[in-house]
Amino acid sequence: MPDEVKPNVNEAPTHDAQLAAENIAAGEEKAPTVDFEADYAAAQQFSVSEIDRTGEGAKAAAAATAPKLEVPKPEETRLETQPTGNPDDYADMAKDVAGSRTEGVASIDDDLVQKALEKGQAKN
């Protein structure tokens, strides 16, 4: 069922649309009609291509999306550590890790806190 377009001169986005709306309102031009059902049916015809209506569409899609290069399978590598049985090795490693906890830390005393508080005060 076609619907008649009723243009509003005040809502026309362009000058050409405004002129067309004025001409339709004056009766100089016929208002266009729109058949939504017919347009929708026509759009459905175009939504599926001819090749997709056959089995060739699936083959063409598979060929278009097929990888061009072969990806090798990852190889699993195993890392085995040999036990040394020497406790000095572990003590050296523990010293390296423990030393990182205190890096960049200074000793903080009451004088340092007082200086920080003084620097944070607004100057009069």
PDB file of N, CA and C in Angstrom:
ATOM      1  N   MET A   1       0.838  -1.160   0.000  1.00  0.00           N
ATOM      2  CA  MET A   1       0.000   0.000   0.000  1.00  0.00           C
ATOM      3  C   MET A   1       0.891   1.235   0.000  1.00  0.00           C
ATOM      4  N   PRO A   2       0.852   2.006  -1.051  1.00  0.00           N
ATOM      5  CA  PRO A   2       1.720   3.176  -1.152  1.00  0.00           C
ATOM      6  C   PRO A   2       1.306   4.274  -0.186  1.00  0.00           C
ATOM      7  N   ASP A   3       2.301   4.923   0.366  1.00  0.00           N
ATOM      8  CA  ASP A   3       2.089   6.065   1.255  1.00  0.00           C
ATOM      9  C   ASP A   3       2.494   7.329   0.519  1.00  0.00           C
ATOM     10  N   GLU A   4       1.731   8.407   0.727  1.00  0.00           N
ATOM     11  CA  GLU A   4       2.059   9.668   0.092  1.00  0.00           C
ATOM     12  C   GLU A   4       2.999  10.450   0.990  1.00  0.00           C
ATOM     13  N   VAL A   5       4.018  11.030   0.400  1.00  0.00           N
ATOM     14  CA  VAL A   5       4.976  11.841   1.134  1.00  0.00           C
ATOM     15  C   VAL A   5       4.390  13.230   1.302  1.00  0.00           C
ATOM     16  N   LYS A   6       4.405  13.713   2.549  1.00  0.00           N
ATOM     17  CA  LYS A   6       3.887  15.053   2.841  1.00  0.00           C
ATOM     18  C   LYS A   6       5.048  15.902   3.343  1.00  0.00           C
ATOM     19  N   PRO A   7       5.724  16.613   2.439  1.00  0.00           N
ATOM     20  CA  PRO A   7       6.883  17.397   2.857  1.00  0.00           C
ATOM     21  C   PRO A   7       6.484  18.652   3.627  1.00  0.00           C
ATOM     22  N   ASN A   8       7.341  19.022   4.558  1.00  0.00           N
ATOM     23  CA  ASN A   8       7.151  20.244   5.343  1.00  0.00           C
ATOM     24  C   ASN A   8       8.239  21.228   4.922  1.00  0.00           C
ATOM     25  N   VAL A   9       7.834  22.399   4.508  1.00  0.00           N
ATOM     26  CA  VAL A   9       8.779  23.408   4.023  1.00  0.00           C
ATOM     27  C   VAL A   9       9.772  23.793   5.109  1.00  0.00           C
ATOM     28  N   ASN A  10       9.320  23.857   6.351  1.00  0.00           N
ATOM     29  CA  ASN A  10      10.186  24.279   7.453  1.00  0.00           C
ATOM     30  C   ASN A  10      11.217  23.218   7.843  1.00  0.00           C
ATOM     31  N   GLU A  11      10.975  21.967   7.488  1.00  0.00           N
ATOM     32  CA  GLU A  11      11.891  20.882   7.854  1.00  0.00           C
ATOM     33  C   GLU A  11      12.785  20.439   6.709  1.00  0.00           C
ATOM     34  N   ALA A  12      12.725  21.115   5.578  1.00  0.00           N
ATOM     35  CA  ALA A  12      13.526  20.736   4.418  1.00  0.00           C
ATOM     36  C   ALA A  12      15.004  20.999   4.703  1.00  0.00           C
ATOM     37  N   PRO A  13      15.863  19.992   4.539  1.00  0.00           N
ATOM     38  CA  PRO A  13      17.269  20.169   4.894  1.00  0.00           C
ATOM     39  C   PRO A  13      18.080  20.965   3.872  1.00  0.00           C
ATOM     40  N   THR A  14      17.650  21.007   2.608  1.00  0.00           N
ATOM     41  CA  THR A  14      18.411  21.735   1.582  1.00  0.00           C
ATOM     42  C   THR A  14      17.483  22.713   0.862  1.00  0.00           C
ATOM     43  N   HIS A  15      18.087  23.578   0.098  1.00  0.00           N
ATOM     44  CA  HIS A  15      17.307  24.557  -0.668  1.00  0.00           C
ATOM     45  C   HIS A  15      16.452  23.851  -1.716  1.00  0.00           C
ATOM     46  N   ASP A  16      17.018  22.838  -2.370  1.00  0.00           N
ATOM     47  CA  ASP A  16      16.251  22.090  -3.371  1.00  0.00           C
ATOM     48  C   ASP A  16      15.048  21.400  -2.737  1.00  0.00           C
ATOM     49  N   ALA A  17      15.246  20.831  -1.543  1.00  0.00           N
ATOM     50  CA  ALA A  17      14.137  20.173  -0.852  1.00  0.00           C
ATOM     51  C   ALA A  17      13.074  21.191  -0.462  1.00  0.00           C
ATOM     52  N   GLN A  18      13.500  22.381  -0.070  1.00  0.00           N
ATOM     53  CA  GLN A  18      12.553  23.437   0.301  1.00  0.00           C
ATOM     54  C   GLN A  18      11.735  23.864  -0.923  1.00  0.00           C
ATOM     55  N   LEU A  19      12.395  24.034  -2.072  1.00  0.00           N
ATOM     56  CA  LEU A  19      11.671  24.400  -3.302  1.00  0.00           C
ATOM     57  C   LEU A  19      10.687  23.321  -3.705  1.00  0.00           C
ATOM     58  N   ALA A  20      11.100  22.060  -3.608  1.00  0.00           N
ATOM     59  CA  ALA A  20      10.199  20.965  -3.958  1.00  0.00           C
ATOM     60  C   ALA A  20       9.006  20.940  -3.020  1.00  0.00           C
ATOM     61  N   ALA A  21       9.238  21.153  -1.732  1.00  0.00           N
ATOM     62  CA  ALA A  21       8.138  21.158  -0.761  1.00  0.00           C
ATOM     63  C   ALA A  21       7.171  22.307  -1.045  1.00  0.00           C
ATOM     64  N   GLU A  22       7.705  23.455  -1.405  1.00  0.00           N
ATOM     65  CA  GLU A  22       6.841  24.604  -1.732  1.00  0.00           C
ATOM     66  C   GLU A  22       6.014  24.316  -2.975  1.00  0.00           C
ATOM     67  N   ASN A  23       6.634  23.690  -3.987  1.00  0.00           N
ATOM     68  CA  ASN A  23       5.908  23.375  -5.231  1.00  0.00           C
ATOM     69  C   ASN A  23       4.821  22.338  -4.982  1.00  0.00           C
ATOM     70  N   ILE A  24       5.091  21.363  -4.099  1.00  0.00           N
ATOM     71  CA  ILE A  24       4.075  20.359  -3.783  1.00  0.00           C
ATOM     72  C   ILE A  24       2.931  21.010  -3.011  1.00  0.00           C
ATOM     73  N   ALA A  25       3.286  21.878  -2.071  1.00  0.00           N
ATOM     74  CA  ALA A  25       2.247  22.562  -1.291  1.00  0.00           C
ATOM     75  C   ALA A  25       1.392  23.471  -2.167  1.00  0.00           C
ATOM     76  N   ALA A  26       2.001  24.078  -3.192  1.00  0.00           N
ATOM     77  CA  ALA A  26       1.262  24.970  -4.097  1.00  0.00           C
ATOM     78  C   ALA A  26       0.485  24.188  -5.151  1.00  0.00           C
ATOM     79  N   GLY A  27       0.721  22.884  -5.248  1.00  0.00           N
ATOM     80  CA  GLY A  27       0.024  22.062  -6.232  1.00  0.00           C
ATOM     81  C   GLY A  27       0.691  22.048  -7.587  1.00  0.00           C
ATOM     82  N   GLU A  28       1.872  22.626  -7.720  1.00  0.00           N
ATOM     83  CA  GLU A  28       2.585  22.652  -8.995  1.00  0.00           C
ATOM     84  C   GLU A  28       3.239  21.313  -9.305  1.00  0.00           C
ATOM     85  N   GLU A  29       3.562  20.559  -8.256  1.00  0.00           N
ATOM     86  CA  GLU A  29       4.147  19.225  -8.432  1.00  0.00           C
ATOM     87  C   GLU A  29       3.317  18.226  -7.668  1.00  0.00           C
ATOM     88  N   LYS A  30       3.340  16.981  -8.165  1.00  0.00           N
ATOM     89  CA  LYS A  30       2.620  15.909  -7.492  1.00  0.00           C
ATOM     90  C   LYS A  30       3.519  15.340  -6.388  1.00  0.00           C
ATOM     91  N   ALA A  31       2.943  15.049  -5.247  1.00  0.00           N
ATOM     92  CA  ALA A  31       3.709  14.478  -4.137  1.00  0.00           C
ATOM     93  C   ALA A  31       4.109  13.048  -4.480  1.00  0.00           C
ATOM     94  N   PRO A  32       5.346  12.683  -4.218  1.00  0.00           N
ATOM     95  CA  PRO A  32       5.774  11.321  -4.517  1.00  0.00           C
ATOM     96  C   PRO A  32       5.119  10.326  -3.563  1.00  0.00           C
ATOM     97  N   THR A  33       4.992   9.087  -4.032  1.00  0.00           N
ATOM     98  CA  THR A  33       4.448   8.033  -3.183  1.00  0.00           C
ATOM     99  C   THR A  33       5.528   6.983  -2.966  1.00  0.00           C
ATOM    100  N   VAL A  34       5.457   6.343  -1.818  1.00  0.00           N
ATOM    101  CA  VAL A  34       6.438   5.329  -1.461  1.00  0.00           C
ATOM    102  C   VAL A  34       5.691   4.060  -1.095  1.00  0.00           C
ATOM    103  N   ASP A  35       6.087   2.951  -1.712  1.00  0.00           N
ATOM    104  CA  ASP A  35       5.490   1.648  -1.399  1.00  0.00           C
ATOM    105  C   ASP A  35       6.541   0.835  -0.646  1.00  0.00           C
ATOM    106  N   PHE A  36       6.463   0.864   0.677  1.00  0.00           N
ATOM    107  CA  PHE A  36       7.478   0.213   1.510  1.00  0.00           C
ATOM    108  C   PHE A  36       7.512  -1.297   1.303  1.00  0.00           C
ATOM    109  N   GLU A  37       6.350  -1.930   1.149  1.00  0.00           N
ATOM    110  CA  GLU A  37       6.305  -3.380   0.969  1.00  0.00           C
ATOM    111  C   GLU A  37       6.976  -3.789  -0.345  1.00  0.00           C
ATOM    112  N   ALA A  38       6.707  -3.043  -1.411  1.00  0.00           N
ATOM    113  CA  ALA A  38       7.312  -3.374  -2.701  1.00  0.00           C
ATOM    114  C   ALA A  38       8.822  -3.130  -2.664  1.00  0.00           C
ATOM    115  N   ASP A  39       9.231  -2.049  -2.009  1.00  0.00           N
ATOM    116  CA  ASP A  39      10.674  -1.773  -1.897  1.00  0.00           C
ATOM    117  C   ASP A  39      11.375  -2.844  -1.077  1.00  0.00           C
ATOM    118  N   TYR A  40      10.722  -3.307  -0.014  1.00  0.00           N
ATOM    119  CA  TYR A  40      11.316  -4.346   0.827  1.00  0.00           C
ATOM    120  C   TYR A  40      11.436  -5.655   0.048  1.00  0.00           C
ATOM    121  N   ALA A  41      10.404  -5.995  -0.716  1.00  0.00           N
ATOM    122  CA  ALA A  41      10.438  -7.227  -1.519  1.00  0.00           C
ATOM    123  C   ALA A  41      11.541  -7.143  -2.570  1.00  0.00           C
ATOM    124  N   ALA A  42      11.698  -5.989  -3.177  1.00  0.00           N
ATOM    125  CA  ALA A  42      12.765  -5.821  -4.178  1.00  0.00           C
ATOM    126  C   ALA A  42      14.134  -5.922  -3.518  1.00  0.00           C
ATOM    127  N   ALA A  43      14.272  -5.378  -2.331  1.00  0.00           N
ATOM    128  CA  ALA A  43      15.552  -5.450  -1.623  1.00  0.00           C
ATOM    129  C   ALA A  43      15.898  -6.888  -1.270  1.00  0.00           C
ATOM    130  N   GLN A  44      14.888  -7.692  -0.955  1.00  0.00           N
ATOM    131  CA  GLN A  44      15.144  -9.092  -0.633  1.00  0.00           C
ATOM    132  C   GLN A  44      15.699  -9.845  -1.836  1.00  0.00           C
ATOM    133  N   GLN A  45      15.282  -9.473  -3.021  1.00  0.00           N
ATOM    134  CA  GLN A  45      15.792 -10.115  -4.232  1.00  0.00           C
ATOM    135  C   GLN A  45      17.277  -9.824  -4.428  1.00  0.00           C
ATOM    136  N   PHE A  46      17.701  -8.627  -4.037  1.00  0.00           N
ATOM    137  CA  PHE A  46      19.094  -8.235  -4.212  1.00  0.00           C
ATOM    138  C   PHE A  46      19.985  -8.655  -3.051  1.00  0.00           C
ATOM    139  N   SER A  47      19.403  -9.103  -1.957  1.00  0.00           N
ATOM    140  CA  SER A  47      20.211  -9.425  -0.782  1.00  0.00           C
ATOM    141  C   SER A  47      21.012 -10.711  -0.958  1.00  0.00           C
ATOM    142  N   VAL A  48      20.609 -11.580  -1.881  1.00  0.00           N
ATOM    143  CA  VAL A  48      21.326 -12.836  -2.141  1.00  0.00           C
ATOM    144  C   VAL A  48      21.733 -12.847  -3.605  1.00  0.00           C
ATOM    145  N   SER A  49      23.025 -13.037  -3.843  1.00  0.00           N
ATOM    146  CA  SER A  49      23.498 -13.039  -5.231  1.00  0.00           C
ATOM    147  C   SER A  49      23.193 -14.377  -5.899  1.00  0.00           C
ATOM    148  N   GLU A  50      23.291 -14.387  -7.207  1.00  0.00           N
ATOM    149  CA  GLU A  50      23.000 -15.601  -7.974  1.00  0.00           C
ATOM    150  C   GLU A  50      23.941 -16.743  -7.609  1.00  0.00           C
ATOM    151  N   ILE A  51      25.207 -16.437  -7.372  1.00  0.00           N
ATOM    152  CA  ILE A  51      26.169 -17.495  -7.057  1.00  0.00           C
ATOM    153  C   ILE A  51      25.874 -18.126  -5.696  1.00  0.00           C
ATOM    154  N   ASP A  52      25.279 -17.330  -4.785  1.00  0.00           N
ATOM    155  CA  ASP A  52      24.950 -17.863  -3.463  1.00  0.00           C
ATOM    156  C   ASP A  52      23.733 -18.774  -3.491  1.00  0.00           C
ATOM    157  N   ARG A  53      22.978 -18.737  -4.552  1.00  0.00           N
ATOM    158  CA  ARG A  53      21.816 -19.622  -4.667  1.00  0.00           C
ATOM    159  C   ARG A  53      22.224 -21.013  -5.129  1.00  0.00           C
ATOM    160  N   THR A  54      23.487 -21.186  -5.469  1.00  0.00           N
ATOM    161  CA  THR A  54      24.003 -22.496  -5.870  1.00  0.00           C
ATOM    162  C   THR A  54      25.102 -22.914  -4.896  1.00  0.00           C
ATOM    163  N   GLY A  55      25.638 -24.090  -5.071  1.00  0.00           N
ATOM    164  CA  GLY A  55      26.728 -24.561  -4.224  1.00  0.00           C
ATOM    165  C   GLY A  55      28.047 -23.871  -4.534  1.00  0.00           C
ATOM    166  N   GLU A  56      28.121 -23.180  -5.649  1.00  0.00           N
ATOM    167  CA  GLU A  56      29.354 -22.493  -6.034  1.00  0.00           C
ATOM    168  C   GLU A  56      29.685 -21.342  -5.081  1.00  0.00           C
ATOM    169  N   GLY A  57      28.674 -20.755  -4.463  1.00  0.00           N
ATOM    170  CA  GLY A  57      28.907 -19.641  -3.547  1.00  0.00           C
ATOM    171  C   GLY A  57      29.732 -20.064  -2.350  1.00  0.00           C
ATOM    172  N   ALA A  58      29.430 -21.233  -1.790  1.00  0.00           N
ATOM    173  CA  ALA A  58      30.190 -21.726  -0.639  1.00  0.00           C
ATOM    174  C   ALA A  58      31.627 -22.042  -1.038  1.00  0.00           C
ATOM    175  N   LYS A  59      31.812 -22.594  -2.226  1.00  0.00           N
ATOM    176  CA  LYS A  59      33.170 -22.902  -2.709  1.00  0.00           C
ATOM    177  C   LYS A  59      33.972 -21.617  -2.921  1.00  0.00           C
ATOM    178  N   ALA A  60      33.329 -20.605  -3.501  1.00  0.00           N
ATOM    179  CA  ALA A  60      34.020 -19.338  -3.743  1.00  0.00           C
ATOM    180  C   ALA A  60      34.381 -18.653  -2.426  1.00  0.00           C
ATOM    181  N   ALA A  61      33.497 -18.727  -1.447  1.00  0.00           N
ATOM    182  CA  ALA A  61      33.782 -18.122  -0.146  1.00  0.00           C
ATOM    183  C   ALA A  61      34.942 -18.845   0.542  1.00  0.00           C
ATOM    184  N   ALA A  62      34.961 -20.172   0.453  1.00  0.00           N
ATOM    185  CA  ALA A  62      36.052 -20.942   1.064  1.00  0.00           C
ATOM    186  C   ALA A  62      37.379 -20.624   0.380  1.00  0.00           C
ATOM    187  N   ALA A  63      37.365 -20.469  -0.928  1.00  0.00           N
ATOM    188  CA  ALA A  63      38.598 -20.155  -1.650  1.00  0.00           C
ATOM    189  C   ALA A  63      39.082 -18.740  -1.327  1.00  0.00           C
ATOM    190  N   ALA A  64      38.148 -17.815  -1.157  1.00  0.00           N
ATOM    191  CA  ALA A  64      38.532 -16.430  -0.875  1.00  0.00           C
ATOM    192  C   ALA A  64      39.092 -16.272   0.527  1.00  0.00           C
ATOM    193  N   THR A  65      38.628 -17.065   1.459  1.00  0.00           N
ATOM    194  CA  THR A  65      39.077 -16.917   2.842  1.00  0.00           C
ATOM    195  C   THR A  65      40.123 -17.943   3.248  1.00  0.00           C
ATOM    196  N   ALA A  66      40.565 -18.769   2.322  1.00  0.00           N
ATOM    197  CA  ALA A  66      41.573 -19.776   2.641  1.00  0.00           C
ATOM    198  C   ALA A  66      42.912 -19.097   2.931  1.00  0.00           C
ATOM    199  N   PRO A  67      43.659 -19.618   3.897  1.00  0.00           N
ATOM    200  CA  PRO A  67      44.963 -19.007   4.193  1.00  0.00           C
ATOM    201  C   PRO A  67      45.928 -19.208   3.027  1.00  0.00           C
ATOM    202  N   LYS A  68      46.716 -18.179   2.770  1.00  0.00           N
ATOM    203  CA  LYS A  68      47.662 -18.233   1.658  1.00  0.00           C
ATOM    204  C   LYS A  68      48.978 -18.900   2.052  1.00  0.00           C
ATOM    205  N   LEU A  69      49.328 -18.816   3.337  1.00  0.00           N
ATOM    206  CA  LEU A  69      50.585 -19.391   3.811  1.00  0.00           C
ATOM    207  C   LEU A  69      50.297 -20.468   4.840  1.00  0.00           C
ATOM    208  N   GLU A  70      51.160 -21.435   4.886  1.00  0.00           N
ATOM    209  CA  GLU A  70      51.002 -22.501   5.863  1.00  0.00           C
ATOM    210  C   GLU A  70      51.670 -22.082   7.169  1.00  0.00           C
ATOM    211  N   VAL A  71      50.955 -22.232   8.246  1.00  0.00           N
ATOM    212  CA  VAL A  71      51.473 -21.863   9.563  1.00  0.00           C
ATOM    213  C   VAL A  71      52.054 -23.114  10.211  1.00  0.00           C
ATOM    214  N   PRO A  72      53.337 -23.056  10.581  1.00  0.00           N
ATOM    215  CA  PRO A  72      53.927 -24.254  11.194  1.00  0.00           C
ATOM    216  C   PRO A  72      53.376 -24.468  12.598  1.00  0.00           C
ATOM    217  N   LYS A  73      53.337 -25.730  12.995  1.00  0.00           N
ATOM    218  CA  LYS A  73      52.885 -26.050  14.334  1.00  0.00           C
ATOM    219  C   LYS A  73      53.997 -25.722  15.321  1.00  0.00           C
ATOM    220  N   PRO A  74      53.639 -25.185  16.470  1.00  0.00           N
ATOM    221  CA  PRO A  74      54.678 -24.841  17.443  1.00  0.00           C
ATOM    222  C   PRO A  74      55.326 -26.100  18.022  1.00  0.00           C
ATOM    223  N   GLU A  75      56.611 -25.985  18.238  1.00  0.00           N
ATOM    224  CA  GLU A  75      57.340 -27.103  18.822  1.00  0.00           C
ATOM    225  C   GLU A  75      57.440 -26.871  20.326  1.00  0.00           C
ATOM    226  N   GLU A  76      57.246 -27.926  21.064  1.00  0.00           N
ATOM    227  CA  GLU A  76      57.320 -27.823  22.514  1.00  0.00           C
ATOM    228  C   GLU A  76      58.772 -27.978  22.942  1.00  0.00           C
ATOM    229  N   THR A  77      59.228 -27.031  23.729  1.00  0.00           N
ATOM    230  CA  THR A  77      60.594 -27.114  24.243  1.00  0.00           C
ATOM    231  C   THR A  77      60.545 -27.375  25.735  1.00  0.00           C
ATOM    232  N   ARG A  78      61.434 -28.180  26.192  1.00  0.00           N
ATOM    233  CA  ARG A  78      61.490 -28.512  27.610  1.00  0.00           C
ATOM    234  C   ARG A  78      62.765 -27.925  28.196  1.00  0.00           C
ATOM    235  N   LEU A  79      62.603 -27.283  29.328  1.00  0.00           N
ATOM    236  CA  LEU A  79      63.733 -26.716  30.035  1.00  0.00           C
ATOM    237  C   LEU A  79      63.878 -27.487  31.339  1.00  0.00           C
ATOM    238  N   GLU A  80      64.977 -28.178  31.456  1.00  0.00           N
ATOM    239  CA  GLU A  80      65.221 -28.950  32.664  1.00  0.00           C
ATOM    240  C   GLU A  80      66.433 -28.378  33.374  1.00  0.00           C
ATOM    241  N   THR A  81      66.245 -28.080  34.631  1.00  0.00           N
ATOM    242  CA  THR A  81      67.366 -27.583  35.434  1.00  0.00           C
ATOM    243  C   THR A  81      67.973 -28.751  36.195  1.00  0.00           C
ATOM    244  N   GLN A  82      69.238 -28.720  36.235  1.00  0.00           N
ATOM    245  CA  GLN A  82      69.949 -29.787  36.936  1.00  0.00           C
ATOM    246  C   GLN A  82      70.166 -29.362  38.384  1.00  0.00           C
ATOM    247  N   PRO A  83      69.808 -30.197  39.334  1.00  0.00           N
ATOM    248  CA  PRO A  83      70.057 -29.851  40.724  1.00  0.00           C
ATOM    249  C   PRO A  83      71.560 -29.857  41.010  1.00  0.00           C
ATOM    250  N   THR A  84      72.016 -28.814  41.683  1.00  0.00           N
ATOM    251  CA  THR A  84      73.443 -28.739  41.988  1.00  0.00           C
ATOM    252  C   THR A  84      73.742 -29.272  43.379  1.00  0.00           C
ATOM    253  N   GLY A  85      72.767 -29.135  44.256  1.00  0.00           N
ATOM    254  CA  GLY A  85      73.003 -29.606  45.610  1.00  0.00           C
ATOM    255  C   GLY A  85      73.892 -28.676  46.410  1.00  0.00           C
ATOM    256  N   ASN A  86      74.265 -27.547  45.853  1.00  0.00           N
ATOM    257  CA  ASN A  86      75.147 -26.614  46.526  1.00  0.00           C
ATOM    258  C   ASN A  86      74.293 -25.501  47.128  1.00  0.00           C
ATOM    259  N   PRO A  87      74.204 -25.384  48.466  1.00  0.00           N
ATOM    260  CA  PRO A  87      73.374 -24.346  49.080  1.00  0.00           C
ATOM    261  C   PRO A  87      73.880 -22.939  48.823  1.00  0.00           C
ATOM    262  N   ASP A  88      75.136 -22.761  48.480  1.00  0.00           N
ATOM    263  CA  ASP A  88      75.657 -21.430  48.190  1.00  0.00           C
ATOM    264  C   ASP A  88      74.981 -20.813  46.960  1.00  0.00           C
ATOM    265  N   ASP A  89      74.606 -21.657  45.990  1.00  0.00           N
ATOM    266  CA  ASP A  89      73.905 -21.153  44.801  1.00  0.00           C
ATOM    267  C   ASP A  89      72.578 -20.502  45.196  1.00  0.00           C
ATOM    268  N   TYR A  90      71.864 -21.132  46.087  1.00  0.00           N
ATOM    269  CA  TYR A  90      70.581 -20.594  46.530  1.00  0.00           C
ATOM    270  C   TYR A  90      70.768 -19.362  47.407  1.00  0.00           C
ATOM    271  N   ALA A  91      71.805 -19.320  48.191  1.00  0.00           N
ATOM    272  CA  ALA A  91      72.064 -18.161  49.047  1.00  0.00           C
ATOM    273  C   ALA A  91      72.388 -16.939  48.202  1.00  0.00           C
ATOM    274  N   ASP A  92      73.183 -17.115  47.144  1.00  0.00           N
ATOM    275  CA  ASP A  92      73.490 -15.997  46.249  1.00  0.00           C
ATOM    276  C   ASP A  92      72.222 -15.485  45.555  1.00  0.00           C
ATOM    277  N   MET A  93      71.382 -16.412  45.128  1.00  0.00           N
ATOM    278  CA  MET A  93      70.143 -16.025  44.458  1.00  0.00           C
ATOM    279  C   MET A  93      69.230 -15.281  45.438  1.00  0.00           C
ATOM    280  N   ALA A  94      69.167 -15.720  46.682  1.00  0.00           N
ATOM    281  CA  ALA A  94      68.333 -15.064  47.681  1.00  0.00           C
ATOM    282  C   ALA A  94      68.841 -13.660  47.974  1.00  0.00           C
ATOM    283  N   LYS A  95      70.150 -13.455  47.974  1.00  0.00           N
ATOM    284  CA  LYS A  95      70.706 -12.125  48.203  1.00  0.00           C
ATOM    285  C   LYS A  95      70.314 -11.180  47.069  1.00  0.00           C
ATOM    286  N   ASP A  96      70.336 -11.678  45.841  1.00  0.00           N
ATOM    287  CA  ASP A  96      69.947 -10.846  44.692  1.00  0.00           C
ATOM    288  C   ASP A  96      68.492 -10.403  44.806  1.00  0.00           C
ATOM    289  N   VAL A  97      67.622 -11.311  45.189  1.00  0.00           N
ATOM    290  CA  VAL A  97      66.206 -10.996  45.291  1.00  0.00           C
ATOM    291  C   VAL A  97      65.949 -10.097  46.491  1.00  0.00           C
ATOM    292  N   ALA A  98      66.563 -10.380  47.605  1.00  0.00           N
ATOM    293  CA  ALA A  98      66.335  -9.606  48.822  1.00  0.00           C
ATOM    294  C   ALA A  98      66.860  -8.186  48.681  1.00  0.00           C
ATOM    295  N   GLY A  99      67.929  -7.983  47.937  1.00  0.00           N
ATOM    296  CA  GLY A  99      68.487  -6.651  47.759  1.00  0.00           C
ATOM    297  C   GLY A  99      67.559  -5.731  46.999  1.00  0.00           C
ATOM    298  N   SER A 100      66.707  -6.283  46.148  1.00  0.00           N
ATOM    299  CA  SER A 100      65.830  -5.441  45.345  1.00  0.00           C
ATOM    300  C   SER A 100      64.711  -4.827  46.183  1.00  0.00           C
ATOM    301  N   ARG A 101      64.421  -5.381  47.354  1.00  0.00           N
ATOM    302  CA  ARG A 101      63.363  -4.840  48.201  1.00  0.00           C
ATOM    303  C   ARG A 101      63.745  -3.504  48.820  1.00  0.00           C
ATOM    304  N   THR A 102      65.022  -3.270  49.011  1.00  0.00           N
ATOM    305  CA  THR A 102      65.449  -2.057  49.695  1.00  0.00           C
ATOM    306  C   THR A 102      66.027  -1.011  48.761  1.00  0.00           C
ATOM    307  N   GLU A 103      66.073  -1.292  47.492  1.00  0.00           N
ATOM    308  CA  GLU A 103      66.639  -0.313  46.560  1.00  0.00           C
ATOM    309  C   GLU A 103      65.754   0.924  46.514  1.00  0.00           C
ATOM    310  N   GLY A 104      66.382   2.097  46.568  1.00  0.00           N
ATOM    311  CA  GLY A 104      65.654   3.353  46.467  1.00  0.00           C
ATOM    312  C   GLY A 104      64.959   3.772  47.745  1.00  0.00           C
ATOM    313  N   VAL A 105      65.126   3.048  48.821  1.00  0.00           N
ATOM    314  CA  VAL A 105      64.471   3.402  50.078  1.00  0.00           C
ATOM    315  C   VAL A 105      65.491   4.064  50.988  1.00  0.00           C
ATOM    316  N   ALA A 106      65.145   5.232  51.496  1.00  0.00           N
ATOM    317  CA  ALA A 106      66.032   5.946  52.424  1.00  0.00           C
ATOM    318  C   ALA A 106      65.486   5.769  53.837  1.00  0.00           C
ATOM    319  N   SER A 107      66.330   5.997  54.802  1.00  0.00           N
ATOM    320  CA  SER A 107      65.842   5.921  56.178  1.00  0.00           C
ATOM    321  C   SER A 107      65.039   7.181  56.475  1.00  0.00           C
ATOM    322  N   ILE A 108      63.884   7.004  57.064  1.00  0.00           N
ATOM    323  CA  ILE A 108      62.989   8.117  57.347  1.00  0.00           C
ATOM    324  C   ILE A 108      62.977   8.344  58.854  1.00  0.00           C
ATOM    325  N   ASP A 109      63.272   9.569  59.264  1.00  0.00           N
ATOM    326  CA  ASP A 109      63.242   9.897  60.687  1.00  0.00           C
ATOM    327  C   ASP A 109      62.322  11.100  60.894  1.00  0.00           C
ATOM    328  N   ASP A 110      62.192  11.545  62.121  1.00  0.00           N
ATOM    329  CA  ASP A 110      61.276  12.638  62.451  1.00  0.00           C
ATOM    330  C   ASP A 110      61.668  13.948  61.781  1.00  0.00           C
ATOM    331  N   ASP A 111      62.976  14.195  61.645  1.00  0.00           N
ATOM    332  CA  ASP A 111      63.420  15.429  60.999  1.00  0.00           C
ATOM    333  C   ASP A 111      62.991  15.481  59.538  1.00  0.00           C
ATOM    334  N   LEU A 112      63.103  14.339  58.845  1.00  0.00           N
ATOM    335  CA  LEU A 112      62.716  14.283  57.430  1.00  0.00           C
ATOM    336  C   LEU A 112      61.211  14.514  57.286  1.00  0.00           C
ATOM    337  N   VAL A 113      60.422  13.948  58.170  1.00  0.00           N
ATOM    338  CA  VAL A 113      58.973  14.139  58.129  1.00  0.00           C
ATOM    339  C   VAL A 113      58.636  15.608  58.404  1.00  0.00           C
ATOM    340  N   GLN A 114      59.323  16.220  59.348  1.00  0.00           N
ATOM    341  CA  GLN A 114      59.070  17.629  59.678  1.00  0.00           C
ATOM    342  C   GLN A 114      59.396  18.524  58.485  1.00  0.00           C
ATOM    343  N   LYS A 115      60.518  18.253  57.784  1.00  0.00           N
ATOM    344  CA  LYS A 115      60.876  19.040  56.601  1.00  0.00           C
ATOM    345  C   LYS A 115      59.804  18.894  55.519  1.00  0.00           C
ATOM    346  N   ALA A 116      59.277  17.675  55.334  1.00  0.00           N
ATOM    347  CA  ALA A 116      58.239  17.449  54.325  1.00  0.00           C
ATOM    348  C   ALA A 116      56.980  18.223  54.669  1.00  0.00           C
ATOM    349  N   LEU A 117      56.626  18.245  55.956  1.00  0.00           N
ATOM    350  CA  LEU A 117      55.442  18.996  56.372  1.00  0.00           C
ATOM    351  C   LEU A 117      55.624  20.491  56.153  1.00  0.00           C
ATOM    352  N   GLU A 118      56.828  20.999  56.412  1.00  0.00           N
ATOM    353  CA  GLU A 118      57.101  22.418  56.217  1.00  0.00           C
ATOM    354  C   GLU A 118      57.039  22.795  54.743  1.00  0.00           C
ATOM    355  N   LYS A 119      57.538  21.932  53.877  1.00  0.00           N
ATOM    356  CA  LYS A 119      57.508  22.215  52.451  1.00  0.00           C
ATOM    357  C   LYS A 119      56.073  22.166  51.915  1.00  0.00           C
ATOM    358  N   GLY A 120      55.219  21.411  52.563  1.00  0.00           N
ATOM    359  CA  GLY A 120      53.839  21.303  52.118  1.00  0.00           C
ATOM    360  C   GLY A 120      52.955  22.446  52.554  1.00  0.00           C
ATOM    361  N   GLN A 121      53.457  23.321  53.423  1.00  0.00           N
ATOM    362  CA  GLN A 121      52.672  24.454  53.924  1.00  0.00           C
ATOM    363  C   GLN A 121      52.672  25.578  52.886  1.00  0.00           C
ATOM    364  N   ALA A 122      51.541  26.268  52.790  1.00  0.00           N
ATOM    365  CA  ALA A 122      51.448  27.404  51.874  1.00  0.00           C
ATOM    366  C   ALA A 122      52.203  28.576  52.451  1.00  0.00           C
ATOM    367  N   LYS A 123      52.863  29.336  51.588  1.00  0.00           N
ATOM    368  CA  LYS A 123      53.616  30.509  52.042  1.00  0.00           C
ATOM    369  C   LYS A 123      52.651  31.674  52.158  1.00  0.00           C
ATOM    370  N   ASN A 124      52.835  32.471  53.214  1.00  0.00           N
ATOM    371  CA  ASN A 124      51.964  33.626  53.441  1.00  0.00           C
ATOM    372  C   ASN A 124      52.497  34.844  52.750  1.00  0.00           C
TER     373      ASN A 124
END
